[in-house]
Amino acid sequence: MPSYVAILEDDPSRIAAMRWCLGQVLPRCVQIVSEDAAEMIACLRDHLPETVLISLDHDLPFFPNLDGTTTDCGTGRQVVDFLCTREVRCPVIVHSSNYDCANGMVQCLRDSGIVHARVYPHSDTDWVRTAWVEQIREYVRSGLIVQGEEPRR
């Protein structure tokens, strides 16, 4: 059975850096990337038991629609609130630059007993290749992340 890494992120440069790093550190994991909280929650409903890592941004986009309305992609806090109602066996990284909202996400994860870390974005995407990937390596070293079999292509 494949293992999954779930990432909630909307910035293309961050996504590219994260995908590259995961290819180096967790090459056997299926990468699920979404910029929509509801979509991520639906995915986690289906794959949470096989998920080995979740990384969450807070602020997500609003998209204008042709009819003049907007589509709100939600927030990382919505995903955290969902996780706090489930048995989560994998670690979570909160990687938002929204200081206050990220702290609220961390507090909810802490209160629910979910293993988590806070990584602070800085210097464009340099933090992905340093602090973010180092946190993942620490989770691997400590046995909190174990990759499953190679995904079928």
N, C-alpha and C. Protein backbone atom coordinates (compact mmCIF):
# COMPACT_ATOMS: atom_id res chain seq x y z
N MET A 1 0.85 -1.18 0.00
CA MET A 1 0.00 0.00 0.00
C MET A 1 0.90 1.24 0.00
N PRO A 2 0.60 2.21 -0.85
CA PRO A 2 1.43 3.41 -0.89
C PRO A 2 1.23 4.29 0.34
N SER A 3 2.26 5.09 0.62
CA SER A 3 2.19 6.11 1.66
C SER A 3 1.97 7.45 1.00
N TYR A 4 1.29 8.35 1.71
CA TYR A 4 0.96 9.66 1.17
C TYR A 4 1.57 10.77 2.00
N VAL A 5 1.93 11.86 1.32
CA VAL A 5 2.29 13.12 1.96
C VAL A 5 1.27 14.13 1.46
N ALA A 6 0.60 14.81 2.38
CA ALA A 6 -0.44 15.78 2.03
C ALA A 6 0.06 17.18 2.33
N ILE A 7 0.01 18.05 1.32
CA ILE A 7 0.49 19.42 1.47
C ILE A 7 -0.61 20.39 1.06
N LEU A 8 -0.91 21.31 1.95
CA LEU A 8 -1.85 22.39 1.66
C LEU A 8 -1.03 23.65 1.42
N GLU A 9 -0.98 24.08 0.16
CA GLU A 9 -0.14 25.21 -0.22
C GLU A 9 -0.64 25.76 -1.55
N ASP A 10 -0.55 27.09 -1.71
CA ASP A 10 -1.01 27.71 -2.95
C ASP A 10 0.08 28.41 -3.74
N ASP A 11 1.28 28.53 -3.20
CA ASP A 11 2.35 29.24 -3.89
C ASP A 11 3.12 28.27 -4.79
N PRO A 12 3.12 28.50 -6.11
CA PRO A 12 3.78 27.57 -7.04
C PRO A 12 5.27 27.36 -6.75
N SER A 13 5.98 28.39 -6.33
CA SER A 13 7.41 28.21 -6.06
C SER A 13 7.63 27.37 -4.80
N ARG A 14 6.80 27.55 -3.79
CA ARG A 14 6.89 26.70 -2.60
C ARG A 14 6.55 25.25 -2.95
N ILE A 15 5.51 25.08 -3.74
CA ILE A 15 5.10 23.73 -4.13
C ILE A 15 6.22 23.03 -4.88
N ALA A 16 6.84 23.72 -5.82
CA ALA A 16 7.94 23.12 -6.59
C ALA A 16 9.09 22.73 -5.67
N ALA A 17 9.45 23.60 -4.74
CA ALA A 17 10.54 23.30 -3.81
C ALA A 17 10.17 22.11 -2.91
N MET A 18 8.94 22.08 -2.44
CA MET A 18 8.50 20.98 -1.58
C MET A 18 8.50 19.66 -2.34
N ARG A 19 7.99 19.68 -3.55
CA ARG A 19 7.97 18.45 -4.36
C ARG A 19 9.39 17.93 -4.60
N TRP A 20 10.31 18.83 -4.91
CA TRP A 20 11.69 18.42 -5.15
C TRP A 20 12.29 17.80 -3.88
N CYS A 21 12.11 18.46 -2.74
CA CYS A 21 12.64 17.95 -1.47
C CYS A 21 12.05 16.60 -1.11
N LEU A 22 10.75 16.47 -1.29
CA LEU A 22 10.11 15.18 -0.99
C LEU A 22 10.64 14.08 -1.90
N GLY A 23 10.93 14.41 -3.14
CA GLY A 23 11.51 13.43 -4.05
C GLY A 23 12.86 12.93 -3.57
N GLN A 24 13.58 13.77 -2.82
CA GLN A 24 14.88 13.39 -2.27
C GLN A 24 14.75 12.63 -0.95
N VAL A 25 13.84 13.07 -0.10
CA VAL A 25 13.76 12.54 1.27
C VAL A 25 12.74 11.41 1.40
N LEU A 26 11.61 11.52 0.72
CA LEU A 26 10.55 10.52 0.79
C LEU A 26 10.15 10.09 -0.63
N PRO A 27 11.07 9.51 -1.38
CA PRO A 27 10.81 9.25 -2.80
C PRO A 27 9.72 8.23 -3.07
N ARG A 28 9.39 7.39 -2.11
CA ARG A 28 8.37 6.36 -2.34
C ARG A 28 6.96 6.83 -1.98
N CYS A 29 6.83 8.05 -1.52
CA CYS A 29 5.52 8.57 -1.11
C CYS A 29 4.81 9.25 -2.27
N VAL A 30 3.50 9.08 -2.29
CA VAL A 30 2.65 9.79 -3.23
C VAL A 30 2.42 11.18 -2.66
N GLN A 31 2.67 12.19 -3.48
CA GLN A 31 2.51 13.58 -3.04
C GLN A 31 1.11 14.08 -3.43
N ILE A 32 0.37 14.51 -2.43
CA ILE A 32 -0.94 15.11 -2.66
C ILE A 32 -0.81 16.59 -2.30
N VAL A 33 -0.98 17.45 -3.28
CA VAL A 33 -0.86 18.89 -3.05
C VAL A 33 -2.17 19.54 -3.45
N SER A 34 -2.68 20.40 -2.57
CA SER A 34 -3.91 21.12 -2.86
C SER A 34 -3.80 22.54 -2.33
N GLU A 35 -4.51 23.45 -2.96
CA GLU A 35 -4.61 24.81 -2.46
C GLU A 35 -6.00 25.09 -1.91
N ASP A 36 -6.78 24.03 -1.70
CA ASP A 36 -8.16 24.16 -1.25
C ASP A 36 -8.38 23.31 -0.01
N ALA A 37 -8.80 23.94 1.08
CA ALA A 37 -8.98 23.23 2.35
C ALA A 37 -10.02 22.13 2.26
N ALA A 38 -11.15 22.39 1.61
CA ALA A 38 -12.20 21.36 1.51
C ALA A 38 -11.71 20.16 0.70
N GLU A 39 -10.96 20.42 -0.35
CA GLU A 39 -10.41 19.34 -1.16
C GLU A 39 -9.41 18.51 -0.34
N MET A 40 -8.58 19.19 0.46
CA MET A 40 -7.62 18.48 1.30
C MET A 40 -8.33 17.64 2.35
N ILE A 41 -9.36 18.17 2.95
CA ILE A 41 -10.12 17.41 3.94
C ILE A 41 -10.74 16.17 3.30
N ALA A 42 -11.29 16.31 2.11
CA ALA A 42 -11.87 15.15 1.41
C ALA A 42 -10.81 14.10 1.14
N CYS A 43 -9.65 14.54 0.73
CA CYS A 43 -8.55 13.61 0.46
C CYS A 43 -8.12 12.90 1.74
N LEU A 44 -8.01 13.64 2.83
CA LEU A 44 -7.60 13.03 4.09
C LEU A 44 -8.66 12.08 4.63
N ARG A 45 -9.92 12.35 4.35
CA ARG A 45 -10.98 11.39 4.74
C ARG A 45 -10.70 10.03 4.11
N ASP A 46 -10.22 10.05 2.87
CA ASP A 46 -9.95 8.82 2.13
C ASP A 46 -8.60 8.20 2.46
N HIS A 47 -7.60 9.01 2.81
CA HIS A 47 -6.22 8.51 2.89
C HIS A 47 -5.50 8.77 4.20
N LEU A 48 -6.18 9.26 5.23
CA LEU A 48 -5.49 9.58 6.47
C LEU A 48 -4.72 8.40 7.06
N PRO A 49 -5.26 7.18 7.06
CA PRO A 49 -4.49 6.07 7.63
C PRO A 49 -3.17 5.79 6.91
N GLU A 50 -3.09 6.11 5.62
CA GLU A 50 -1.88 5.85 4.85
C GLU A 50 -1.00 7.10 4.74
N THR A 51 -1.41 8.19 5.34
CA THR A 51 -0.66 9.44 5.24
C THR A 51 0.45 9.44 6.29
N VAL A 52 1.68 9.74 5.84
CA VAL A 52 2.84 9.73 6.74
C VAL A 52 3.27 11.13 7.15
N LEU A 53 2.77 12.15 6.46
CA LEU A 53 3.12 13.54 6.78
C LEU A 53 2.06 14.46 6.20
N ILE A 54 1.73 15.50 6.98
CA ILE A 54 0.83 16.56 6.53
C ILE A 54 1.55 17.87 6.77
N SER A 55 1.56 18.75 5.77
CA SER A 55 2.16 20.07 5.92
C SER A 55 1.13 21.11 5.48
N LEU A 56 0.89 22.09 6.35
CA LEU A 56 -0.23 23.01 6.14
C LEU A 56 0.17 24.48 6.17
N ASP A 57 -0.24 25.19 5.15
CA ASP A 57 -0.21 26.65 5.13
C ASP A 57 -1.54 27.10 5.74
N HIS A 58 -1.66 28.36 6.09
CA HIS A 58 -2.93 28.87 6.58
C HIS A 58 -3.69 29.64 5.52
N ASP A 59 -3.09 30.68 4.97
CA ASP A 59 -3.78 31.58 4.05
C ASP A 59 -3.85 30.97 2.66
N LEU A 60 -5.06 30.83 2.15
CA LEU A 60 -5.30 30.25 0.83
C LEU A 60 -6.04 31.26 -0.04
N PRO A 61 -6.04 31.06 -1.34
CA PRO A 61 -6.56 32.10 -2.25
C PRO A 61 -8.08 32.19 -2.33
N PHE A 62 -8.49 33.32 -2.86
CA PHE A 62 -9.86 33.55 -3.33
C PHE A 62 -9.76 33.66 -4.84
N PHE A 63 -10.66 32.98 -5.56
CA PHE A 63 -10.65 33.04 -7.02
C PHE A 63 -11.91 33.73 -7.52
N PRO A 64 -11.76 34.71 -8.42
CA PRO A 64 -12.95 35.32 -9.02
C PRO A 64 -13.61 34.36 -10.01
N ASN A 65 -14.92 34.32 -9.99
CA ASN A 65 -15.68 33.50 -10.93
C ASN A 65 -16.25 34.40 -12.03
N LEU A 66 -16.62 33.81 -13.13
CA LEU A 66 -17.15 34.58 -14.26
C LEU A 66 -18.43 35.31 -13.91
N ASP A 67 -19.20 34.79 -12.94
CA ASP A 67 -20.47 35.42 -12.59
C ASP A 67 -20.32 36.55 -11.56
N GLY A 68 -19.07 36.93 -11.25
CA GLY A 68 -18.83 38.02 -10.32
C GLY A 68 -18.68 37.58 -8.88
N THR A 69 -18.94 36.32 -8.58
CA THR A 69 -18.74 35.82 -7.22
C THR A 69 -17.28 35.38 -7.08
N THR A 70 -16.92 34.99 -5.88
CA THR A 70 -15.58 34.46 -5.65
C THR A 70 -15.66 33.09 -5.01
N THR A 71 -14.64 32.29 -5.27
CA THR A 71 -14.50 31.00 -4.63
C THR A 71 -13.43 31.14 -3.56
N ASP A 72 -13.79 30.80 -2.34
CA ASP A 72 -12.88 30.88 -1.20
C ASP A 72 -12.30 29.49 -0.96
N CYS A 73 -10.99 29.37 -1.00
CA CYS A 73 -10.34 28.06 -0.81
C CYS A 73 -10.16 27.70 0.66
N GLY A 74 -10.65 28.54 1.55
CA GLY A 74 -10.60 28.22 2.97
C GLY A 74 -9.26 28.55 3.60
N THR A 75 -8.98 27.86 4.72
CA THR A 75 -7.73 28.09 5.46
C THR A 75 -7.18 26.76 5.98
N GLY A 76 -5.93 26.80 6.33
CA GLY A 76 -5.32 25.64 6.96
C GLY A 76 -5.95 25.30 8.30
N ARG A 77 -6.51 26.29 8.96
CA ARG A 77 -7.16 26.03 10.26
C ARG A 77 -8.34 25.07 10.09
N GLN A 78 -9.04 25.16 8.96
CA GLN A 78 -10.15 24.23 8.71
C GLN A 78 -9.64 22.79 8.64
N VAL A 79 -8.48 22.59 8.05
CA VAL A 79 -7.90 21.25 7.98
C VAL A 79 -7.48 20.79 9.37
N VAL A 80 -6.88 21.69 10.14
CA VAL A 80 -6.50 21.36 11.51
C VAL A 80 -7.73 20.98 12.34
N ASP A 81 -8.79 21.76 12.21
CA ASP A 81 -10.02 21.45 12.96
C ASP A 81 -10.54 20.06 12.60
N PHE A 82 -10.47 19.69 11.33
CA PHE A 82 -10.85 18.35 10.89
C PHE A 82 -9.93 17.31 11.53
N LEU A 83 -8.61 17.53 11.45
CA LEU A 83 -7.66 16.57 12.00
C LEU A 83 -7.88 16.35 13.50
N CYS A 84 -8.26 17.41 14.20
CA CYS A 84 -8.44 17.31 15.64
C CYS A 84 -9.67 16.50 16.03
N THR A 85 -10.45 16.06 15.05
CA THR A 85 -11.59 15.18 15.32
C THR A 85 -11.29 13.74 14.93
N ARG A 86 -10.06 13.48 14.48
CA ARG A 86 -9.67 12.17 13.99
C ARG A 86 -8.49 11.61 14.78
N GLU A 87 -8.24 10.32 14.59
CA GLU A 87 -7.02 9.72 15.12
C GLU A 87 -5.94 9.93 14.08
N VAL A 88 -5.01 10.80 14.38
CA VAL A 88 -3.94 11.15 13.45
C VAL A 88 -2.65 10.49 13.94
N ARG A 89 -2.11 9.60 13.11
CA ARG A 89 -0.89 8.88 13.49
C ARG A 89 0.37 9.50 12.88
N CYS A 90 0.20 10.44 11.97
CA CYS A 90 1.37 11.03 11.31
C CYS A 90 1.64 12.42 11.87
N PRO A 91 2.87 12.89 11.72
CA PRO A 91 3.18 14.25 12.16
C PRO A 91 2.65 15.30 11.19
N VAL A 92 2.47 16.49 11.73
CA VAL A 92 1.97 17.64 10.96
C VAL A 92 2.98 18.77 11.08
N ILE A 93 3.24 19.44 9.96
CA ILE A 93 4.06 20.65 9.96
C ILE A 93 3.14 21.82 9.61
N VAL A 94 3.18 22.86 10.42
CA VAL A 94 2.49 24.11 10.11
C VAL A 94 3.55 25.04 9.53
N HIS A 95 3.37 25.44 8.26
CA HIS A 95 4.39 26.24 7.58
C HIS A 95 3.85 27.58 7.09
N SER A 96 2.99 28.18 7.84
CA SER A 96 2.37 29.46 7.45
C SER A 96 3.18 30.65 7.94
N SER A 97 3.20 31.71 7.14
CA SER A 97 3.83 32.96 7.57
C SER A 97 2.84 33.85 8.33
N ASN A 98 1.58 33.43 8.44
CA ASN A 98 0.58 34.17 9.20
C ASN A 98 0.76 33.80 10.68
N TYR A 99 1.52 34.61 11.38
CA TYR A 99 1.96 34.30 12.74
C TYR A 99 0.81 33.95 13.68
N ASP A 100 -0.19 34.80 13.77
CA ASP A 100 -1.27 34.57 14.72
C ASP A 100 -2.09 33.34 14.38
N CYS A 101 -2.44 33.19 13.11
CA CYS A 101 -3.25 32.04 12.71
C CYS A 101 -2.47 30.74 12.82
N ALA A 102 -1.19 30.78 12.48
CA ALA A 102 -0.36 29.57 12.62
C ALA A 102 -0.27 29.16 14.09
N ASN A 103 -0.14 30.12 14.98
CA ASN A 103 -0.10 29.80 16.41
C ASN A 103 -1.40 29.15 16.86
N GLY A 104 -2.53 29.60 16.34
CA GLY A 104 -3.81 28.97 16.66
C GLY A 104 -3.87 27.54 16.16
N MET A 105 -3.34 27.29 14.97
CA MET A 105 -3.29 25.94 14.42
C MET A 105 -2.44 25.03 15.31
N VAL A 106 -1.28 25.54 15.71
CA VAL A 106 -0.37 24.78 16.57
C VAL A 106 -1.03 24.47 17.91
N GLN A 107 -1.72 25.45 18.48
CA GLN A 107 -2.37 25.23 19.77
C GLN A 107 -3.43 24.14 19.68
N CYS A 108 -4.22 24.14 18.62
CA CYS A 108 -5.25 23.11 18.42
C CYS A 108 -4.60 21.73 18.28
N LEU A 109 -3.53 21.64 17.49
CA LEU A 109 -2.83 20.36 17.34
C LEU A 109 -2.27 19.89 18.68
N ARG A 110 -1.68 20.81 19.43
CA ARG A 110 -1.12 20.48 20.75
C ARG A 110 -2.22 19.97 21.68
N ASP A 111 -3.33 20.69 21.71
CA ASP A 111 -4.43 20.31 22.60
C ASP A 111 -5.00 18.93 22.24
N SER A 112 -4.89 18.55 20.97
CA SER A 112 -5.40 17.25 20.52
C SER A 112 -4.36 16.14 20.60
N GLY A 113 -3.16 16.48 21.03
CA GLY A 113 -2.12 15.46 21.17
C GLY A 113 -1.51 15.00 19.85
N ILE A 114 -1.65 15.80 18.80
CA ILE A 114 -1.11 15.45 17.49
C ILE A 114 0.33 15.93 17.41
N VAL A 115 1.24 15.05 17.01
CA VAL A 115 2.65 15.41 16.84
C VAL A 115 2.72 16.48 15.76
N HIS A 116 3.41 17.57 16.06
CA HIS A 116 3.45 18.68 15.12
C HIS A 116 4.73 19.49 15.30
N ALA A 117 5.01 20.31 14.32
CA ALA A 117 6.13 21.25 14.38
C ALA A 117 5.71 22.51 13.65
N ARG A 118 6.36 23.59 13.98
CA ARG A 118 6.12 24.88 13.34
C ARG A 118 7.38 25.25 12.58
N VAL A 119 7.25 25.49 11.28
CA VAL A 119 8.36 25.94 10.45
C VAL A 119 8.01 27.33 9.94
N TYR A 120 8.94 28.26 10.06
CA TYR A 120 8.70 29.65 9.70
C TYR A 120 9.24 29.96 8.30
N PRO A 121 8.37 30.28 7.35
CA PRO A 121 8.83 30.66 6.02
C PRO A 121 9.68 31.94 6.06
N HIS A 122 10.74 31.94 5.25
CA HIS A 122 11.60 33.11 5.12
C HIS A 122 12.43 32.97 3.85
N SER A 123 12.99 34.05 3.39
CA SER A 123 13.93 34.04 2.26
C SER A 123 13.38 33.27 1.07
N ASP A 124 12.24 33.70 0.56
CA ASP A 124 11.62 33.07 -0.60
C ASP A 124 11.33 31.60 -0.29
N THR A 125 12.02 30.68 -0.93
CA THR A 125 11.78 29.25 -0.64
C THR A 125 12.98 28.59 0.02
N ASP A 126 13.97 29.36 0.44
CA ASP A 126 15.14 28.78 1.09
C ASP A 126 14.76 27.93 2.31
N TRP A 127 13.76 28.36 3.03
CA TRP A 127 13.33 27.65 4.24
C TRP A 127 12.83 26.24 3.93
N VAL A 128 12.30 26.03 2.72
CA VAL A 128 11.82 24.69 2.35
C VAL A 128 12.99 23.72 2.32
N ARG A 129 14.09 24.15 1.71
CA ARG A 129 15.27 23.28 1.55
C ARG A 129 16.09 23.19 2.83
N THR A 130 15.76 23.99 3.83
CA THR A 130 16.52 23.94 5.08
C THR A 130 15.60 23.47 6.22
N ALA A 131 14.88 24.40 6.84
CA ALA A 131 14.09 24.09 8.03
C ALA A 131 13.00 23.05 7.78
N TRP A 132 12.29 23.18 6.67
CA TRP A 132 11.16 22.27 6.40
C TRP A 132 11.67 20.85 6.17
N VAL A 133 12.65 20.72 5.28
CA VAL A 133 13.15 19.38 4.99
C VAL A 133 13.90 18.79 6.19
N GLU A 134 14.56 19.63 6.98
CA GLU A 134 15.23 19.13 8.17
C GLU A 134 14.21 18.59 9.18
N GLN A 135 13.06 19.24 9.30
CA GLN A 135 12.02 18.72 10.18
C GLN A 135 11.53 17.36 9.70
N ILE A 136 11.38 17.20 8.40
CA ILE A 136 10.98 15.90 7.84
C ILE A 136 12.05 14.86 8.14
N ARG A 137 13.31 15.20 7.92
CA ARG A 137 14.39 14.25 8.23
C ARG A 137 14.38 13.85 9.70
N GLU A 138 14.09 14.80 10.58
CA GLU A 138 14.01 14.48 12.01
C GLU A 138 12.87 13.50 12.28
N TYR A 139 11.73 13.71 11.63
CA TYR A 139 10.62 12.77 11.79
C TYR A 139 11.00 11.37 11.29
N VAL A 140 11.77 11.29 10.21
CA VAL A 140 12.23 9.99 9.69
C VAL A 140 13.19 9.36 10.68
N ARG A 141 14.19 10.13 11.14
CA ARG A 141 15.18 9.60 12.10
C ARG A 141 14.52 9.08 13.37
N SER A 142 13.47 9.78 13.81
CA SER A 142 12.82 9.38 15.07
C SER A 142 11.80 8.26 14.87
N GLY A 143 11.59 7.83 13.63
CA GLY A 143 10.65 6.75 13.35
C GLY A 143 9.21 7.19 13.21
N LEU A 144 8.95 8.49 13.22
CA LEU A 144 7.57 8.98 13.07
C LEU A 144 7.09 8.90 11.62
N ILE A 145 8.03 8.88 10.67
CA ILE A 145 7.69 8.70 9.26
C ILE A 145 8.36 7.43 8.77
N VAL A 146 7.55 6.52 8.25
CA VAL A 146 8.04 5.30 7.62
C VAL A 146 7.34 5.22 6.28
N GLN A 147 8.13 5.14 5.21
CA GLN A 147 7.55 5.06 3.87
C GLN A 147 7.01 3.67 3.60
N GLY A 148 5.93 3.63 2.86
CA GLY A 148 5.36 2.37 2.40
C GLY A 148 6.05 1.91 1.13
N GLU A 149 5.39 1.02 0.43
CA GLU A 149 5.95 0.50 -0.80
C GLU A 149 5.92 1.55 -1.91
N GLU A 150 6.66 1.28 -2.95
CA GLU A 150 6.73 2.17 -4.12
C GLU A 150 5.32 2.27 -4.74
N PRO A 151 4.86 3.51 -5.04
CA PRO A 151 3.54 3.64 -5.66
C PRO A 151 3.53 3.05 -7.07
N ARG A 152 2.42 2.50 -7.46
CA ARG A 152 2.28 1.97 -8.82
C ARG A 152 2.10 3.12 -9.79
N ARG A 153 2.73 3.01 -10.92
CA ARG A 153 2.67 4.10 -11.92
C ARG A 153 1.79 3.68 -13.06
